[in-house]
Amino acid sequence: MVYVVQLVVAGELNPETGEGPIGVLLAFDHSMFIGVMTNVLFALVARTGHVRASSAVLWGVNVGLVVFLAGLVADIPILERIGAPVMGLALLAGVAVLFRQASAPRPVPVV
């Protein structure tokens, strides 16, 4: 990643325009943030015991993420507009499963 940032700053990738791969830089940034944050959600949903919900969240977010990143790298806005809602709906489904599970009262252990 440091190498890509250095190439962008130096403008060495495209000598004609002096610009670097901004799409690649954005895609890397989004993939790191979304990938790391959603893996935490996957772990919490899987811990609730809802295997189907966990799989739906995992596949929905990852498919949406791949489509979104392809749109960023290739600079195709329609792919970004398709991938972002798919990711969002999958994440909302995961949050709904977590809230439904959290609403059930749990006994407090007596020490």
C-alpha atoms as a PDB file:
ATOM      1  CA  MET A   1       0.000   0.000   0.000  1.00  0.00           C
ATOM      2  CA  VAL A   2       2.830   2.393   0.806  1.00  0.00           C
ATOM      3  CA  TYR A   3       4.254   1.732  -2.648  1.00  0.00           C
ATOM      4  CA  VAL A   4       0.962   2.626  -4.356  1.00  0.00           C
ATOM      5  CA  VAL A   5       0.667   5.834  -2.306  1.00  0.00           C
ATOM      6  CA  GLN A   6       4.223   6.781  -3.224  1.00  0.00           C
ATOM      7  CA  LEU A   7       3.462   6.246  -6.917  1.00  0.00           C
ATOM      8  CA  VAL A   8       0.327   8.382  -6.668  1.00  0.00           C
ATOM      9  CA  VAL A   9       2.167  11.214  -4.947  1.00  0.00           C
ATOM     10  CA  ALA A  10       5.087  11.063  -7.375  1.00  0.00           C
ATOM     11  CA  GLY A  11       2.765  10.770 -10.391  1.00  0.00           C
ATOM     12  CA  GLU A  12       4.931   8.034 -11.858  1.00  0.00           C
ATOM     13  CA  LEU A  13       2.250   5.673 -13.100  1.00  0.00           C
ATOM     14  CA  ASN A  14       0.895   7.855 -15.876  1.00  0.00           C
ATOM     15  CA  PRO A  15       3.609  10.177 -17.212  1.00  0.00           C
ATOM     16  CA  GLU A  16       1.214  11.915 -19.627  1.00  0.00           C
ATOM     17  CA  THR A  17      -1.197  13.215 -16.999  1.00  0.00           C
ATOM     18  CA  GLY A  18       1.019  13.014 -13.922  1.00  0.00           C
ATOM     19  CA  GLU A  19      -1.669  11.165 -12.005  1.00  0.00           C
ATOM     20  CA  GLY A  20      -1.557   7.914 -10.154  1.00  0.00           C
ATOM     21  CA  PRO A  21      -4.163   5.166  -9.817  1.00  0.00           C
ATOM     22  CA  ILE A  22      -6.760   7.006  -7.737  1.00  0.00           C
ATOM     23  CA  GLY A  23      -9.348   4.262  -8.375  1.00  0.00           C
ATOM     24  CA  VAL A  24      -6.983   1.606  -7.046  1.00  0.00           C
ATOM     25  CA  LEU A  25      -6.220   3.742  -4.002  1.00  0.00           C
ATOM     26  CA  LEU A  26      -9.932   4.253  -3.261  1.00  0.00           C
ATOM     27  CA  ALA A  27     -10.684   0.574  -3.817  1.00  0.00           C
ATOM     28  CA  PHE A  28      -7.946  -0.464  -1.395  1.00  0.00           C
ATOM     29  CA  ASP A  29      -9.192   1.966   1.240  1.00  0.00           C
ATOM     30  CA  HIS A  30     -12.798   0.813   0.921  1.00  0.00           C
ATOM     31  CA  SER A  31     -11.881  -2.868   0.901  1.00  0.00           C
ATOM     32  CA  MET A  32      -9.841  -2.543   4.084  1.00  0.00           C
ATOM     33  CA  PHE A  33     -12.514  -0.612   5.984  1.00  0.00           C
ATOM     34  CA  ILE A  34     -15.533  -2.581   4.805  1.00  0.00           C
ATOM     35  CA  GLY A  35     -13.739  -5.920   4.968  1.00  0.00           C
ATOM     36  CA  VAL A  36     -12.492  -5.445   8.517  1.00  0.00           C
ATOM     37  CA  MET A  37     -15.646  -3.876   9.935  1.00  0.00           C
ATOM     38  CA  THR A  38     -18.011  -6.401   8.405  1.00  0.00           C
ATOM     39  CA  ASN A  39     -15.966  -9.382   9.536  1.00  0.00           C
ATOM     40  CA  VAL A  40     -16.691  -8.298  13.090  1.00  0.00           C
ATOM     41  CA  LEU A  41     -20.405  -8.284  12.256  1.00  0.00           C
ATOM     42  CA  PHE A  42     -20.110 -11.730  10.638  1.00  0.00           C
ATOM     43  CA  ALA A  43     -18.551 -13.101  13.804  1.00  0.00           C
ATOM     44  CA  LEU A  44     -21.294 -11.643  16.002  1.00  0.00           C
ATOM     45  CA  VAL A  45     -24.084 -12.939  13.758  1.00  0.00           C
ATOM     46  CA  ALA A  46     -22.476 -16.394  13.549  1.00  0.00           C
ATOM     47  CA  ARG A  47     -22.210 -16.443  17.332  1.00  0.00           C
ATOM     48  CA  THR A  48     -25.994 -16.076  17.662  1.00  0.00           C
ATOM     49  CA  GLY A  49     -26.442 -19.470  16.033  1.00  0.00           C
ATOM     50  CA  HIS A  50     -28.296 -18.232  12.951  1.00  0.00           C
ATOM     51  CA  VAL A  51     -26.364 -20.088  10.273  1.00  0.00           C
ATOM     52  CA  ARG A  52     -28.560 -18.984   7.365  1.00  0.00           C
ATOM     53  CA  ALA A  53     -28.516 -15.341   8.421  1.00  0.00           C
ATOM     54  CA  SER A  54     -24.759 -15.458   8.879  1.00  0.00           C
ATOM     55  CA  SER A  55     -24.293 -16.929   5.403  1.00  0.00           C
ATOM     56  CA  ALA A  56     -26.639 -14.354   3.855  1.00  0.00           C
ATOM     57  CA  VAL A  57     -24.754 -11.488   5.470  1.00  0.00           C
ATOM     58  CA  LEU A  58     -21.384 -12.931   4.448  1.00  0.00           C
ATOM     59  CA  TRP A  59     -22.333 -13.531   0.818  1.00  0.00           C
ATOM     60  CA  GLY A  60     -24.346 -10.331   0.424  1.00  0.00           C
ATOM     61  CA  VAL A  61     -21.605  -8.078   1.714  1.00  0.00           C
ATOM     62  CA  ASN A  62     -18.788  -9.825  -0.126  1.00  0.00           C
ATOM     63  CA  VAL A  63     -20.607  -9.909  -3.479  1.00  0.00           C
ATOM     64  CA  GLY A  64     -21.607  -6.275  -3.064  1.00  0.00           C
ATOM     65  CA  LEU A  65     -18.055  -5.370  -2.066  1.00  0.00           C
ATOM     66  CA  VAL A  66     -16.526  -7.071  -5.109  1.00  0.00           C
ATOM     67  CA  VAL A  67     -18.955  -5.329  -7.473  1.00  0.00           C
ATOM     68  CA  PHE A  68     -18.379  -1.980  -5.747  1.00  0.00           C
ATOM     69  CA  LEU A  69     -14.582  -2.330  -5.867  1.00  0.00           C
ATOM     70  CA  ALA A  70     -14.699  -3.335  -9.531  1.00  0.00           C
ATOM     71  CA  GLY A  71     -16.637  -0.141 -10.187  1.00  0.00           C
ATOM     72  CA  LEU A  72     -14.046   1.936  -8.327  1.00  0.00           C
ATOM     73  CA  VAL A  73     -11.056   0.398 -10.064  1.00  0.00           C
ATOM     74  CA  ALA A  74     -12.599   0.469 -13.557  1.00  0.00           C
ATOM     75  CA  ASP A  75     -14.286   3.853 -12.952  1.00  0.00           C
ATOM     76  CA  ILE A  76     -17.740   2.481 -13.848  1.00  0.00           C
ATOM     77  CA  PRO A  77     -20.322   4.304 -11.695  1.00  0.00           C
ATOM     78  CA  ILE A  78     -23.155   1.847 -12.395  1.00  0.00           C
ATOM     79  CA  LEU A  79     -21.217  -0.933 -10.666  1.00  0.00           C
ATOM     80  CA  GLU A  80     -20.745   1.315  -7.640  1.00  0.00           C
ATOM     81  CA  ARG A  81     -24.490   2.044  -7.612  1.00  0.00           C
ATOM     82  CA  ILE A  82     -25.292  -1.674  -7.691  1.00  0.00           C
ATOM     83  CA  GLY A  83     -22.676  -2.873  -5.193  1.00  0.00           C
ATOM     84  CA  ALA A  84     -23.303  -0.308  -2.445  1.00  0.00           C
ATOM     85  CA  PRO A  85     -27.018  -1.127  -1.883  1.00  0.00           C
ATOM     86  CA  VAL A  86     -26.304  -4.866  -1.915  1.00  0.00           C
ATOM     87  CA  MET A  87     -23.704  -4.379   0.818  1.00  0.00           C
ATOM     88  CA  GLY A  88     -26.025  -2.098   2.762  1.00  0.00           C
ATOM     89  CA  LEU A  89     -28.994  -4.468   2.668  1.00  0.00           C
ATOM     90  CA  ALA A  90     -26.856  -7.401   3.769  1.00  0.00           C
ATOM     91  CA  LEU A  91     -25.432  -5.386   6.661  1.00  0.00           C
ATOM     92  CA  LEU A  92     -28.908  -4.230   7.710  1.00  0.00           C
ATOM     93  CA  ALA A  93     -30.034  -7.857   7.747  1.00  0.00           C
ATOM     94  CA  GLY A  94     -27.080  -8.718   9.992  1.00  0.00           C
ATOM     95  CA  VAL A  95     -27.859  -5.850  12.363  1.00  0.00           C
ATOM     96  CA  ALA A  96     -31.526  -6.926  12.495  1.00  0.00           C
ATOM     97  CA  VAL A  97     -30.502 -10.454  13.495  1.00  0.00           C
ATOM     98  CA  LEU A  98     -28.231  -9.063  16.206  1.00  0.00           C
ATOM     99  CA  PHE A  99     -30.943  -6.777  17.608  1.00  0.00           C
ATOM    100  CA  ARG A 100     -33.504  -9.568  17.585  1.00  0.00           C
ATOM    101  CA  GLN A 101     -31.096 -11.780  19.506  1.00  0.00           C
ATOM    102  CA  ALA A 102     -30.112  -8.977  21.902  1.00  0.00           C
ATOM    103  CA  SER A 103     -33.711  -8.267  22.861  1.00  0.00           C
ATOM    104  CA  ALA A 104     -34.030 -11.658  24.548  1.00  0.00           C
ATOM    105  CA  PRO A 105     -33.325 -11.277  28.279  1.00  0.00           C
ATOM    106  CA  ARG A 106     -30.362 -13.200  29.619  1.00  0.00           C
ATOM    107  CA  PRO A 107     -30.058 -14.379  33.192  1.00  0.00           C
ATOM    108  CA  VAL A 108     -27.451 -12.603  35.283  1.00  0.00           C
ATOM    109  CA  PRO A 109     -25.097 -14.995  37.092  1.00  0.00           C
ATOM    110  CA  VAL A 110     -25.116 -14.692  40.852  1.00  0.00           C
ATOM    111  CA  VAL A 111     -21.679 -14.499  42.421  1.00  0.00           C
END
